[in-house]
Amino acid sequence: MSTNVKRIEPIEPPASVPEIQRGNWLSLSAEDPLIEYVRETLWDRPGDPDAWETARLSQAAYVYREVSSEWGIVAKFYQVKAGSAANKHAAREFGHIRQAQATVPAGGRARVVEPLALWRGVLFLEYVKGLRLEDVIAIRQSQPGRLTDSLERAAQFLASLHVHGVQSDAESDFESAVDYTHHVVEQLSRYGVLQDYPIARDGLSRLIDRWAASSSMRDFTPTLTHGDTTTTNFIFPGRGEVVVVDWERLRVADSAFDLGRLMAEITHSLSQHGGSVTEAEPFVRHMIDTYRDALPSNWDGDALVHRARFYRASSTLRIARNGWVSRLDRTALVAQAMALLAHDF
């Protein structure tokens, strides 16, 4: 006997929001299916909403705002990322967020973004008004001290996640990180700035293998990690708070991974906003020092920072793949990564 079950297709993001208008508010019809769902399910203000508008945050994420009240909500369209599997992937990130919320102690100045609902492959999240870490980096010269404070809050959040998310029964895995870094080098060699530089490619490969041979890189207790600690995923709404978003890559891994990626992202963002690697180093060191100060005394901070060097190099190579970065900057990123990997053990 067959049953006719109607498949509910994942909803797509607004087709009228081109890339060149990212960040601009565009009006929406009240008959938009997503607006109807939000109005019937998530709207929590007195009276009926008036008019709606949307702005694009990223390829998959949009903020929807009711005009008169400025009440807002973020919609993450997994159809863009996962196609017909959007429902499954949206639900997975919803679960990741709940897991992170259960791990990080409540009541502090750092918290995980609140998930609100799942509908047709869309993950609805609270709309956090504030500056991203990338924005704080951009305005660092006009607001002295703010970047230092923001980095402290980000570091303290990660330390809390890592300390409370320890997975003592999990197996330490460094091989996947080595394989990934080799893969990035291969991509740079085939399509990127290393295409005509086989000597540099071979040198990077040998350095990666050198790290792979070190037993110290496997000497860690796995823990929950955010998995994508970029400068766009830490939001500072004020009052000394930080809200951490984008949990789709949460996984059990080496805590040094989160630190290394954030180190690379801070350095690159500073370079892209009128700074340099030299200017970035004191900020990076302060972030690491704050993180270490928040760890229990039985954690080996020196070993963790050593391992983070590899992940910083790997993440720097990852950034060097981006076509929107100038070729000169991509070449400089590869040189930075090579210097990091060549550091004596």
C-alpha atoms as a PDB file:
ATOM      1  CA  MET A   1       0.000   0.000   0.000  1.00  0.00           C
ATOM      2  CA  SER A   2       1.400   3.388  -0.943  1.00  0.00           C
ATOM      3  CA  THR A   3       0.869   6.606   0.913  1.00  0.00           C
ATOM      4  CA  ASN A   4       0.957  10.040  -0.626  1.00  0.00           C
ATOM      5  CA  VAL A   5       2.938  12.216   1.746  1.00  0.00           C
ATOM      6  CA  LYS A   6       3.431  15.756   0.518  1.00  0.00           C
ATOM      7  CA  ARG A   7       7.057  16.747   0.746  1.00  0.00           C
ATOM      8  CA  ILE A   8       7.591  20.197   2.224  1.00  0.00           C
ATOM      9  CA  GLU A   9      10.359  21.785   0.201  1.00  0.00           C
ATOM     10  CA  PRO A  10      12.926  24.053   1.892  1.00  0.00           C
ATOM     11  CA  ILE A  11      12.164  27.706   1.377  1.00  0.00           C
ATOM     12  CA  GLU A  12      14.639  29.881  -0.524  1.00  0.00           C
ATOM     13  CA  PRO A  13      15.946  33.298   0.521  1.00  0.00           C
ATOM     14  CA  PRO A  14      14.513  36.469  -1.025  1.00  0.00           C
ATOM     15  CA  ALA A  15      15.424  36.575  -4.689  1.00  0.00           C
ATOM     16  CA  SER A  16      15.384  40.379  -4.736  1.00  0.00           C
ATOM     17  CA  VAL A  17      18.466  40.904  -2.549  1.00  0.00           C
ATOM     18  CA  PRO A  18      21.539  41.049  -4.802  1.00  0.00           C
ATOM     19  CA  GLU A  19      25.075  40.847  -3.449  1.00  0.00           C
ATOM     20  CA  ILE A  20      25.750  44.495  -4.225  1.00  0.00           C
ATOM     21  CA  GLN A  21      22.934  45.478  -1.863  1.00  0.00           C
ATOM     22  CA  ARG A  22      24.163  43.468   1.095  1.00  0.00           C
ATOM     23  CA  GLY A  23      23.331  45.362   4.272  1.00  0.00           C
ATOM     24  CA  ASN A  24      20.658  47.578   2.699  1.00  0.00           C
ATOM     25  CA  TRP A  25      17.070  47.344   3.951  1.00  0.00           C
ATOM     26  CA  LEU A  26      14.599  46.262   1.271  1.00  0.00           C
ATOM     27  CA  SER A  27      10.825  46.253   1.654  1.00  0.00           C
ATOM     28  CA  LEU A  28       8.901  42.969   1.726  1.00  0.00           C
ATOM     29  CA  SER A  29       5.326  42.070   1.035  1.00  0.00           C
ATOM     30  CA  ALA A  30       3.188  41.027   3.994  1.00  0.00           C
ATOM     31  CA  GLU A  31       2.190  37.996   1.882  1.00  0.00           C
ATOM     32  CA  ASP A  32       5.757  36.719   1.796  1.00  0.00           C
ATOM     33  CA  PRO A  33       5.523  33.130   3.156  1.00  0.00           C
ATOM     34  CA  LEU A  34       8.315  33.664   5.669  1.00  0.00           C
ATOM     35  CA  ILE A  35       6.704  36.880   6.930  1.00  0.00           C
ATOM     36  CA  GLU A  36       3.411  35.025   7.368  1.00  0.00           C
ATOM     37  CA  TYR A  37       5.153  32.336   9.410  1.00  0.00           C
ATOM     38  CA  VAL A  38       6.992  34.867  11.580  1.00  0.00           C
ATOM     39  CA  ARG A  39       3.822  36.892  12.162  1.00  0.00           C
ATOM     40  CA  GLU A  40       1.777  33.830  13.140  1.00  0.00           C
ATOM     41  CA  THR A  41       4.448  31.980  15.144  1.00  0.00           C
ATOM     42  CA  LEU A  42       7.229  34.235  16.446  1.00  0.00           C
ATOM     43  CA  TRP A  43       5.820  37.775  16.639  1.00  0.00           C
ATOM     44  CA  ASP A  44       5.571  38.592  20.359  1.00  0.00           C
ATOM     45  CA  ARG A  45       4.700  42.292  20.425  1.00  0.00           C
ATOM     46  CA  PRO A  46       1.269  43.814  21.215  1.00  0.00           C
ATOM     47  CA  GLY A  47      -0.901  44.419  18.187  1.00  0.00           C
ATOM     48  CA  ASP A  48      -0.335  43.479  14.583  1.00  0.00           C
ATOM     49  CA  PRO A  49       2.923  44.192  12.752  1.00  0.00           C
ATOM     50  CA  ASP A  50       2.912  47.030  10.264  1.00  0.00           C
ATOM     51  CA  ALA A  51       5.454  46.597   7.456  1.00  0.00           C
ATOM     52  CA  TRP A  52       8.496  44.409   6.988  1.00  0.00           C
ATOM     53  CA  GLU A  53      11.956  44.796   5.496  1.00  0.00           C
ATOM     54  CA  THR A  54      15.008  42.572   5.129  1.00  0.00           C
ATOM     55  CA  ALA A  55      18.757  42.981   4.814  1.00  0.00           C
ATOM     56  CA  ARG A  56      21.308  40.421   3.718  1.00  0.00           C
ATOM     57  CA  LEU A  57      23.948  39.485   6.304  1.00  0.00           C
ATOM     58  CA  SER A  58      25.682  36.741   4.314  1.00  0.00           C
ATOM     59  CA  GLN A  59      24.987  34.330   1.496  1.00  0.00           C
ATOM     60  CA  ALA A  60      22.567  32.359   3.660  1.00  0.00           C
ATOM     61  CA  ALA A  61      21.612  34.683   6.532  1.00  0.00           C
ATOM     62  CA  TYR A  62      19.117  37.548   6.418  1.00  0.00           C
ATOM     63  CA  VAL A  63      17.718  39.799   9.110  1.00  0.00           C
ATOM     64  CA  TYR A  64      13.990  40.536   8.981  1.00  0.00           C
ATOM     65  CA  ARG A  65      12.697  43.637  10.757  1.00  0.00           C
ATOM     66  CA  GLU A  66       9.257  45.028  11.484  1.00  0.00           C
ATOM     67  CA  VAL A  67       9.550  48.683  10.497  1.00  0.00           C
ATOM     68  CA  SER A  68       7.585  50.553  13.168  1.00  0.00           C
ATOM     69  CA  SER A  69       8.851  48.607  16.199  1.00  0.00           C
ATOM     70  CA  GLU A  70      12.263  47.613  14.763  1.00  0.00           C
ATOM     71  CA  TRP A  71      11.651  44.136  16.168  1.00  0.00           C
ATOM     72  CA  GLY A  72      13.931  41.801  14.301  1.00  0.00           C
ATOM     73  CA  ILE A  73      14.832  38.185  13.729  1.00  0.00           C
ATOM     74  CA  VAL A  74      17.570  36.403  11.772  1.00  0.00           C
ATOM     75  CA  ALA A  75      16.697  33.717   9.231  1.00  0.00           C
ATOM     76  CA  LYS A  76      19.419  31.318   8.106  1.00  0.00           C
ATOM     77  CA  PHE A  77      18.408  29.612   4.848  1.00  0.00           C
ATOM     78  CA  TYR A  78      19.995  26.183   4.722  1.00  0.00           C
ATOM     79  CA  GLN A  79      18.592  25.626   1.237  1.00  0.00           C
ATOM     80  CA  VAL A  80      21.512  27.746   0.027  1.00  0.00           C
ATOM     81  CA  LYS A  81      23.991  25.465   1.793  1.00  0.00           C
ATOM     82  CA  ALA A  82      22.392  22.034   1.647  1.00  0.00           C
ATOM     83  CA  GLY A  83      19.658  22.030  -0.999  1.00  0.00           C
ATOM     84  CA  SER A  84      17.063  19.318  -0.364  1.00  0.00           C
ATOM     85  CA  ALA A  85      18.862  18.334   2.881  1.00  0.00           C
ATOM     86  CA  ALA A  86      18.234  21.810   4.342  1.00  0.00           C
ATOM     87  CA  ASN A  87      15.848  20.591   7.047  1.00  0.00           C
ATOM     88  CA  LYS A  88      18.377  18.116   8.411  1.00  0.00           C
ATOM     89  CA  HIS A  89      21.249  20.596   8.465  1.00  0.00           C
ATOM     90  CA  ALA A  90      19.179  23.384  10.010  1.00  0.00           C
ATOM     91  CA  ALA A  91      18.044  21.000  12.745  1.00  0.00           C
ATOM     92  CA  ARG A  92      21.636  19.948  13.337  1.00  0.00           C
ATOM     93  CA  GLU A  93      22.768  23.518  13.981  1.00  0.00           C
ATOM     94  CA  PHE A  94      19.757  24.029  16.258  1.00  0.00           C
ATOM     95  CA  GLY A  95      20.981  21.021  18.245  1.00  0.00           C
ATOM     96  CA  HIS A  96      24.554  22.328  18.242  1.00  0.00           C
ATOM     97  CA  ILE A  97      23.386  25.617  19.729  1.00  0.00           C
ATOM     98  CA  ARG A  98      21.452  23.863  22.466  1.00  0.00           C
ATOM     99  CA  GLN A  99      24.517  21.740  23.224  1.00  0.00           C
ATOM    100  CA  ALA A 100      26.725  24.841  23.461  1.00  0.00           C
ATOM    101  CA  GLN A 101      24.171  26.581  25.691  1.00  0.00           C
ATOM    102  CA  ALA A 102      24.105  23.567  28.002  1.00  0.00           C
ATOM    103  CA  THR A 103      27.917  23.602  28.152  1.00  0.00           C
ATOM    104  CA  VAL A 104      28.688  27.267  28.814  1.00  0.00           C
ATOM    105  CA  PRO A 105      27.524  28.357  32.292  1.00  0.00           C
ATOM    106  CA  ALA A 106      24.652  30.832  32.202  1.00  0.00           C
ATOM    107  CA  GLY A 107      24.660  34.188  33.934  1.00  0.00           C
ATOM    108  CA  GLY A 108      27.931  35.628  32.673  1.00  0.00           C
ATOM    109  CA  ARG A 109      28.698  38.353  30.159  1.00  0.00           C
ATOM    110  CA  ALA A 110      29.266  35.787  27.391  1.00  0.00           C
ATOM    111  CA  ARG A 111      26.549  33.659  25.882  1.00  0.00           C
ATOM    112  CA  VAL A 112      25.436  31.639  22.896  1.00  0.00           C
ATOM    113  CA  VAL A 113      22.930  33.081  20.430  1.00  0.00           C
ATOM    114  CA  GLU A 114      19.347  31.968  21.097  1.00  0.00           C
ATOM    115  CA  PRO A 115      17.696  29.667  18.510  1.00  0.00           C
ATOM    116  CA  LEU A 116      13.980  30.367  18.080  1.00  0.00           C
ATOM    117  CA  ALA A 117      12.462  27.973  15.549  1.00  0.00           C
ATOM    118  CA  LEU A 118      12.903  25.666  12.574  1.00  0.00           C
ATOM    119  CA  TRP A 119      10.691  25.886   9.495  1.00  0.00           C
ATOM    120  CA  ARG A 120      11.162  24.576   5.955  1.00  0.00           C
ATOM    121  CA  GLY A 121      14.944  24.444   6.138  1.00  0.00           C
ATOM    122  CA  VAL A 122      15.224  27.839   7.841  1.00  0.00           C
ATOM    123  CA  LEU A 123      16.828  28.279  11.247  1.00  0.00           C
ATOM    124  CA  PHE A 124      15.430  31.322  13.058  1.00  0.00           C
ATOM    125  CA  LEU A 125      17.726  33.050  15.544  1.00  0.00           C
ATOM    126  CA  GLU A 126      17.513  36.064  17.797  1.00  0.00           C
ATOM    127  CA  TYR A 127      18.670  39.288  16.182  1.00  0.00           C
ATOM    128  CA  VAL A 128      21.615  40.612  18.180  1.00  0.00           C
ATOM    129  CA  LYS A 129      22.252  44.305  17.603  1.00  0.00           C
ATOM    130  CA  GLY A 130      25.898  45.129  18.055  1.00  0.00           C
ATOM    131  CA  LEU A 131      29.338  45.302  16.515  1.00  0.00           C
ATOM    132  CA  ARG A 132      31.062  42.196  15.235  1.00  0.00           C
ATOM    133  CA  LEU A 133      34.683  41.627  16.178  1.00  0.00           C
ATOM    134  CA  GLU A 134      35.550  42.573  12.606  1.00  0.00           C
ATOM    135  CA  ASP A 135      33.797  45.930  13.107  1.00  0.00           C
ATOM    136  CA  VAL A 136      35.631  46.541  16.387  1.00  0.00           C
ATOM    137  CA  ILE A 137      38.915  45.901  14.568  1.00  0.00           C
ATOM    138  CA  ALA A 138      37.925  48.384  11.858  1.00  0.00           C
ATOM    139  CA  ILE A 139      37.248  51.191  14.380  1.00  0.00           C
ATOM    140  CA  ARG A 140      40.122  50.378  16.761  1.00  0.00           C
ATOM    141  CA  GLN A 141      41.932  53.665  16.174  1.00  0.00           C
ATOM    142  CA  SER A 142      38.894  55.842  16.866  1.00  0.00           C
ATOM    143  CA  GLN A 143      37.920  53.905  20.008  1.00  0.00           C
ATOM    144  CA  PRO A 144      41.138  53.011  21.856  1.00  0.00           C
ATOM    145  CA  GLY A 145      40.849  50.120  24.274  1.00  0.00           C
ATOM    146  CA  ARG A 146      37.666  48.692  22.816  1.00  0.00           C
ATOM    147  CA  LEU A 147      39.426  46.006  20.761  1.00  0.00           C
ATOM    148  CA  THR A 148      41.424  44.828  23.772  1.00  0.00           C
ATOM    149  CA  ASP A 149      38.244  44.519  25.841  1.00  0.00           C
ATOM    150  CA  SER A 150      36.451  42.675  23.038  1.00  0.00           C
ATOM    151  CA  LEU A 151      39.277  40.191  22.590  1.00  0.00           C
ATOM    152  CA  GLU A 152      39.250  39.516  26.325  1.00  0.00           C
ATOM    153  CA  ARG A 153      35.566  38.663  26.238  1.00  0.00           C
ATOM    154  CA  ALA A 154      35.996  36.402  23.207  1.00  0.00           C
ATOM    155  CA  ALA A 155      38.912  34.604  24.847  1.00  0.00           C
ATOM    156  CA  GLN A 156      37.034  34.136  28.117  1.00  0.00           C
ATOM    157  CA  PHE A 157      34.052  32.684  26.286  1.00  0.00           C
ATOM    158  CA  LEU A 158      36.223  30.160  24.435  1.00  0.00           C
ATOM    159  CA  ALA A 159      37.992  29.178  27.640  1.00  0.00           C
ATOM    160  CA  SER A 160      34.612  28.545  29.297  1.00  0.00           C
ATOM    161  CA  LEU A 161      33.382  26.468  26.351  1.00  0.00           C
ATOM    162  CA  HIS A 162      36.569  24.407  26.278  1.00  0.00           C
ATOM    163  CA  VAL A 163      36.900  23.857  30.017  1.00  0.00           C
ATOM    164  CA  HIS A 164      33.256  22.868  30.527  1.00  0.00           C
ATOM    165  CA  GLY A 165      33.073  20.906  27.268  1.00  0.00           C
ATOM    166  CA  VAL A 166      35.873  18.408  27.940  1.00  0.00           C
ATOM    167  CA  GLN A 167      35.186  14.985  26.390  1.00  0.00           C
ATOM    168  CA  SER A 168      37.519  12.710  28.309  1.00  0.00           C
ATOM    169  CA  ASP A 169      36.390   9.561  26.487  1.00  0.00           C
ATOM    170  CA  ALA A 170      36.998  10.968  23.002  1.00  0.00           C
ATOM    171  CA  GLU A 171      40.091  10.041  21.024  1.00  0.00           C
ATOM    172  CA  SER A 172      42.687  12.702  20.208  1.00  0.00           C
ATOM    173  CA  ASP A 173      42.766  13.259  16.463  1.00  0.00           C
ATOM    174  CA  PHE A 174      45.430  15.286  14.683  1.00  0.00           C
ATOM    175  CA  GLU A 175      45.506  13.349  11.424  1.00  0.00           C
ATOM    176  CA  SER A 176      42.374  15.015  10.042  1.00  0.00           C
ATOM    177  CA  ALA A 177      43.923  18.464  10.618  1.00  0.00           C
ATOM    178  CA  VAL A 178      47.082  17.386   8.807  1.00  0.00           C
ATOM    179  CA  ASP A 179      45.064  16.003   5.888  1.00  0.00           C
ATOM    180  CA  TYR A 180      43.009  19.183   5.674  1.00  0.00           C
ATOM    181  CA  THR A 181      46.107  21.394   5.631  1.00  0.00           C
ATOM    182  CA  HIS A 182      47.713  19.287   2.910  1.00  0.00           C
ATOM    183  CA  HIS A 183      44.452  19.624   0.965  1.00  0.00           C
ATOM    184  CA  VAL A 184      44.533  23.429   1.250  1.00  0.00           C
ATOM    185  CA  VAL A 185      48.130  23.488  -0.013  1.00  0.00           C
ATOM    186  CA  GLU A 186      47.083  21.285  -2.929  1.00  0.00           C
ATOM    187  CA  GLN A 187      44.273  23.701  -3.782  1.00  0.00           C
ATOM    188  CA  LEU A 188      46.660  26.653  -3.655  1.00  0.00           C
ATOM    189  CA  SER A 189      49.011  24.748  -5.940  1.00  0.00           C
ATOM    190  CA  ARG A 190      46.343  23.851  -8.492  1.00  0.00           C
ATOM    191  CA  TYR A 191      44.292  27.017  -8.580  1.00  0.00           C
ATOM    192  CA  GLY A 192      45.871  29.623  -6.293  1.00  0.00           C
ATOM    193  CA  VAL A 193      48.999  31.644  -5.649  1.00  0.00           C
ATOM    194  CA  LEU A 194      51.258  28.557  -5.465  1.00  0.00           C
ATOM    195  CA  GLN A 195      50.370  27.443  -8.979  1.00  0.00           C
ATOM    196  CA  ASP A 196      53.764  28.429 -10.381  1.00  0.00           C
ATOM    197  CA  TYR A 197      55.799  27.833  -7.239  1.00  0.00           C
ATOM    198  CA  PRO A 198      56.424  24.089  -6.753  1.00  0.00           C
ATOM    199  CA  ILE A 199      59.383  24.779  -4.436  1.00  0.00           C
ATOM    200  CA  ALA A 200      57.153  26.695  -2.014  1.00  0.00           C
ATOM    201  CA  ARG A 201      54.508  23.967  -2.260  1.00  0.00           C
ATOM    202  CA  ASP A 202      57.022  21.235  -1.483  1.00  0.00           C
ATOM    203  CA  GLY A 203      58.448  23.284   1.378  1.00  0.00           C
ATOM    204  CA  LEU A 204      55.017  23.696   2.943  1.00  0.00           C
ATOM    205  CA  SER A 205      54.291  19.995   2.555  1.00  0.00           C
ATOM    206  CA  ARG A 206      57.517  19.063   4.323  1.00  0.00           C
ATOM    207  CA  LEU A 207      56.782  21.468   7.170  1.00  0.00           C
ATOM    208  CA  ILE A 208      53.286  20.038   7.600  1.00  0.00           C
ATOM    209  CA  ASP A 209      54.723  16.519   7.708  1.00  0.00           C
ATOM    210  CA  ARG A 210      57.174  17.668  10.345  1.00  0.00           C
ATOM    211  CA  TRP A 211      54.305  18.741  12.582  1.00  0.00           C
ATOM    212  CA  ALA A 212      52.473  15.525  11.760  1.00  0.00           C
ATOM    213  CA  ALA A 213      55.396  13.515  13.117  1.00  0.00           C
ATOM    214  CA  SER A 214      55.325  15.279  16.486  1.00  0.00           C
ATOM    215  CA  SER A 215      53.681  13.240  19.250  1.00  0.00           C
ATOM    216  CA  SER A 216      53.015  16.455  21.183  1.00  0.00           C
ATOM    217  CA  MET A 217      50.305  17.386  18.664  1.00  0.00           C
ATOM    218  CA  ARG A 218      48.253  14.391  19.813  1.00  0.00           C
ATOM    219  CA  ASP A 219      48.777  14.963  23.513  1.00  0.00           C
ATOM    220  CA  PHE A 220      45.521  16.725  24.382  1.00  0.00           C
ATOM    221  CA  THR A 221      42.110  15.980  25.813  1.00  0.00           C
ATOM    222  CA  PRO A 222      39.393  16.643  23.227  1.00  0.00           C
ATOM    223  CA  THR A 223      36.672  19.153  24.040  1.00  0.00           C
ATOM    224  CA  LEU A 224      33.767  20.885  22.392  1.00  0.00           C
ATOM    225  CA  THR A 225      34.983  23.526  19.957  1.00  0.00           C
ATOM    226  CA  HIS A 226      33.102  26.225  18.086  1.00  0.00           C
ATOM    227  CA  GLY A 227      34.803  25.177  14.863  1.00  0.00           C
ATOM    228  CA  ASP A 228      34.612  28.512  13.006  1.00  0.00           C
ATOM    229  CA  THR A 229      36.041  31.260  15.208  1.00  0.00           C
ATOM    230  CA  THR A 230      36.102  34.042  12.636  1.00  0.00           C
ATOM    231  CA  THR A 231      35.834  37.756  13.398  1.00  0.00           C
ATOM    232  CA  THR A 232      32.217  37.785  12.156  1.00  0.00           C
ATOM    233  CA  ASN A 233      30.990  35.258  14.719  1.00  0.00           C
ATOM    234  CA  PHE A 234      31.567  37.312  17.886  1.00  0.00           C
ATOM    235  CA  ILE A 235      29.000  40.089  18.395  1.00  0.00           C
ATOM    236  CA  PHE A 236      29.285  42.762  21.075  1.00  0.00           C
ATOM    237  CA  PRO A 237      25.885  44.323  21.884  1.00  0.00           C
ATOM    238  CA  GLY A 238      27.264  46.525  24.655  1.00  0.00           C
ATOM    239  CA  ARG A 239      27.282  46.409  28.436  1.00  0.00           C
ATOM    240  CA  GLY A 240      30.391  44.257  28.397  1.00  0.00           C
ATOM    241  CA  GLU A 241      28.650  41.351  26.655  1.00  0.00           C
ATOM    242  CA  VAL A 242      29.583  39.011  23.834  1.00  0.00           C
ATOM    243  CA  VAL A 243      27.193  36.775  21.910  1.00  0.00           C
ATOM    244  CA  VAL A 244      28.675  33.964  19.811  1.00  0.00           C
ATOM    245  CA  VAL A 245      26.874  32.914  16.612  1.00  0.00           C
ATOM    246  CA  ASP A 246      27.197  30.394  13.752  1.00  0.00           C
ATOM    247  CA  TRP A 247      27.434  26.990  15.444  1.00  0.00           C
ATOM    248  CA  GLU A 248      27.036  24.711  12.437  1.00  0.00           C
ATOM    249  CA  ARG A 249      30.661  23.496  12.704  1.00  0.00           C
ATOM    250  CA  LEU A 250      30.641  22.687  16.421  1.00  0.00           C
ATOM    251  CA  ARG A 251      32.623  19.496  17.010  1.00  0.00           C
ATOM    252  CA  VAL A 252      34.784  17.627  19.478  1.00  0.00           C
ATOM    253  CA  ALA A 253      38.414  18.492  18.761  1.00  0.00           C
ATOM    254  CA  ASP A 254      41.541  20.144  20.135  1.00  0.00           C
ATOM    255  CA  SER A 255      40.784  23.437  21.881  1.00  0.00           C
ATOM    256  CA  ALA A 256      43.915  24.793  20.182  1.00  0.00           C
ATOM    257  CA  PHE A 257      42.003  24.691  16.895  1.00  0.00           C
ATOM    258  CA  ASP A 258      39.621  27.470  17.966  1.00  0.00           C
ATOM    259  CA  LEU A 259      42.532  29.530  19.279  1.00  0.00           C
ATOM    260  CA  GLY A 260      44.636  29.095  16.152  1.00  0.00           C
ATOM    261  CA  ARG A 261      41.820  30.002  13.791  1.00  0.00           C
ATOM    262  CA  LEU A 262      40.940  33.111  15.801  1.00  0.00           C
ATOM    263  CA  MET A 263      44.607  34.157  15.843  1.00  0.00           C
ATOM    264  CA  ALA A 264      44.748  33.897  12.044  1.00  0.00           C
ATOM    265  CA  GLU A 265      41.447  35.730  11.580  1.00  0.00           C
ATOM    266  CA  ILE A 266      42.419  38.602  13.885  1.00  0.00           C
ATOM    267  CA  THR A 267      45.730  39.045  12.078  1.00  0.00           C
ATOM    268  CA  HIS A 268      44.114  39.019   8.653  1.00  0.00           C
ATOM    269  CA  SER A 269      41.290  41.368   9.655  1.00  0.00           C
ATOM    270  CA  LEU A 270      43.757  43.881  11.069  1.00  0.00           C
ATOM    271  CA  SER A 271      45.775  43.712   7.861  1.00  0.00           C
ATOM    272  CA  GLN A 272      42.620  44.305   5.821  1.00  0.00           C
ATOM    273  CA  HIS A 273      41.675  47.339   7.926  1.00  0.00           C
ATOM    274  CA  GLY A 274      44.825  49.402   7.554  1.00  0.00           C
ATOM    275  CA  GLY A 275      47.070  47.439   9.902  1.00  0.00           C
ATOM    276  CA  SER A 276      49.821  44.875   9.628  1.00  0.00           C
ATOM    277  CA  VAL A 277      51.019  41.598  11.081  1.00  0.00           C
ATOM    278  CA  THR A 278      53.302  43.582  13.368  1.00  0.00           C
ATOM    279  CA  GLU A 279      50.376  45.595  14.732  1.00  0.00           C
ATOM    280  CA  ALA A 280      48.296  42.439  15.155  1.00  0.00           C
ATOM    281  CA  GLU A 281      50.790  40.511  17.278  1.00  0.00           C
ATOM    282  CA  PRO A 282      50.254  42.382  20.595  1.00  0.00           C
ATOM    283  CA  PHE A 283      46.500  41.960  20.226  1.00  0.00           C
ATOM    284  CA  VAL A 284      46.879  38.260  19.455  1.00  0.00           C
ATOM    285  CA  ARG A 285      49.203  37.768  22.429  1.00  0.00           C
ATOM    286  CA  HIS A 286      46.801  39.587  24.739  1.00  0.00           C
ATOM    287  CA  MET A 287      43.928  37.394  23.577  1.00  0.00           C
ATOM    288  CA  ILE A 288      45.994  34.252  24.217  1.00  0.00           C
ATOM    289  CA  ASP A 289      47.159  35.502  27.628  1.00  0.00           C
ATOM    290  CA  THR A 290      43.549  36.189  28.633  1.00  0.00           C
ATOM    291  CA  TYR A 291      42.530  32.724  27.487  1.00  0.00           C
ATOM    292  CA  ARG A 292      45.341  31.099  29.473  1.00  0.00           C
ATOM    293  CA  ASP A 293      44.462  33.072  32.605  1.00  0.00           C
ATOM    294  CA  ALA A 294      40.938  31.646  32.422  1.00  0.00           C
ATOM    295  CA  LEU A 295      42.131  28.019  32.312  1.00  0.00           C
ATOM    296  CA  PRO A 296      42.363  25.748  35.360  1.00  0.00           C
ATOM    297  CA  SER A 297      45.866  25.285  36.783  1.00  0.00           C
ATOM    298  CA  ASN A 298      46.040  21.686  35.561  1.00  0.00           C
ATOM    299  CA  TRP A 299      45.802  22.701  31.895  1.00  0.00           C
ATOM    300  CA  ASP A 300      49.132  22.936  30.071  1.00  0.00           C
ATOM    301  CA  GLY A 301      48.898  26.395  28.550  1.00  0.00           C
ATOM    302  CA  ASP A 302      52.333  26.281  26.925  1.00  0.00           C
ATOM    303  CA  ALA A 303      51.524  23.063  25.056  1.00  0.00           C
ATOM    304  CA  LEU A 304      48.149  24.425  23.966  1.00  0.00           C
ATOM    305  CA  VAL A 305      49.656  27.620  22.567  1.00  0.00           C
ATOM    306  CA  HIS A 306      52.286  25.543  20.762  1.00  0.00           C
ATOM    307  CA  ARG A 307      49.604  23.439  19.081  1.00  0.00           C
ATOM    308  CA  ALA A 308      47.633  26.579  18.240  1.00  0.00           C
ATOM    309  CA  ARG A 309      50.566  27.714  16.101  1.00  0.00           C
ATOM    310  CA  PHE A 310      49.886  24.886  13.655  1.00  0.00           C
ATOM    311  CA  TYR A 311      46.178  25.707  13.475  1.00  0.00           C
ATOM    312  CA  ARG A 312      46.969  29.366  13.010  1.00  0.00           C
ATOM    313  CA  ALA A 313      49.169  28.475  10.049  1.00  0.00           C
ATOM    314  CA  SER A 314      46.529  26.142   8.615  1.00  0.00           C
ATOM    315  CA  SER A 315      43.829  28.811   8.942  1.00  0.00           C
ATOM    316  CA  THR A 316      46.126  31.400   7.366  1.00  0.00           C
ATOM    317  CA  LEU A 317      46.523  29.118   4.345  1.00  0.00           C
ATOM    318  CA  ARG A 318      42.753  28.707   4.284  1.00  0.00           C
ATOM    319  CA  ILE A 319      42.298  32.482   4.052  1.00  0.00           C
ATOM    320  CA  ALA A 320      44.858  32.566   1.221  1.00  0.00           C
ATOM    321  CA  ARG A 321      42.428  30.588  -0.958  1.00  0.00           C
ATOM    322  CA  ASN A 322      39.921  33.457  -1.036  1.00  0.00           C
ATOM    323  CA  GLY A 323      39.724  35.039  -4.456  1.00  0.00           C
ATOM    324  CA  TRP A 324      38.431  38.337  -3.055  1.00  0.00           C
ATOM    325  CA  VAL A 325      41.780  38.840  -1.313  1.00  0.00           C
ATOM    326  CA  SER A 326      44.359  40.506  -3.553  1.00  0.00           C
ATOM    327  CA  ARG A 327      47.058  38.285  -5.019  1.00  0.00           C
ATOM    328  CA  LEU A 328      49.737  40.231  -3.154  1.00  0.00           C
ATOM    329  CA  ASP A 329      47.945  39.672   0.160  1.00  0.00           C
ATOM    330  CA  ARG A 330      47.378  35.992  -0.611  1.00  0.00           C
ATOM    331  CA  THR A 331      51.075  35.580  -1.285  1.00  0.00           C
ATOM    332  CA  ALA A 332      51.870  37.321   2.003  1.00  0.00           C
ATOM    333  CA  LEU A 333      49.462  34.976   3.804  1.00  0.00           C
ATOM    334  CA  VAL A 334      51.301  31.948   2.441  1.00  0.00           C
ATOM    335  CA  ALA A 335      54.592  33.449   3.615  1.00  0.00           C
ATOM    336  CA  GLN A 336      53.093  34.008   7.085  1.00  0.00           C
ATOM    337  CA  ALA A 337      51.918  30.412   7.251  1.00  0.00           C
ATOM    338  CA  MET A 338      55.316  29.119   6.219  1.00  0.00           C
ATOM    339  CA  ALA A 339      57.005  31.188   8.922  1.00  0.00           C
ATOM    340  CA  LEU A 340      54.591  29.851  11.536  1.00  0.00           C
ATOM    341  CA  LEU A 341      55.168  26.247  10.495  1.00  0.00           C
ATOM    342  CA  ALA A 342      58.935  26.716  10.374  1.00  0.00           C
ATOM    343  CA  HIS A 343      59.087  27.843  14.005  1.00  0.00           C
ATOM    344  CA  ASP A 344      61.347  25.565  16.048  1.00  0.00           C
ATOM    345  CA  PHE A 345      59.697  22.977  18.237  1.00  0.00           C
END
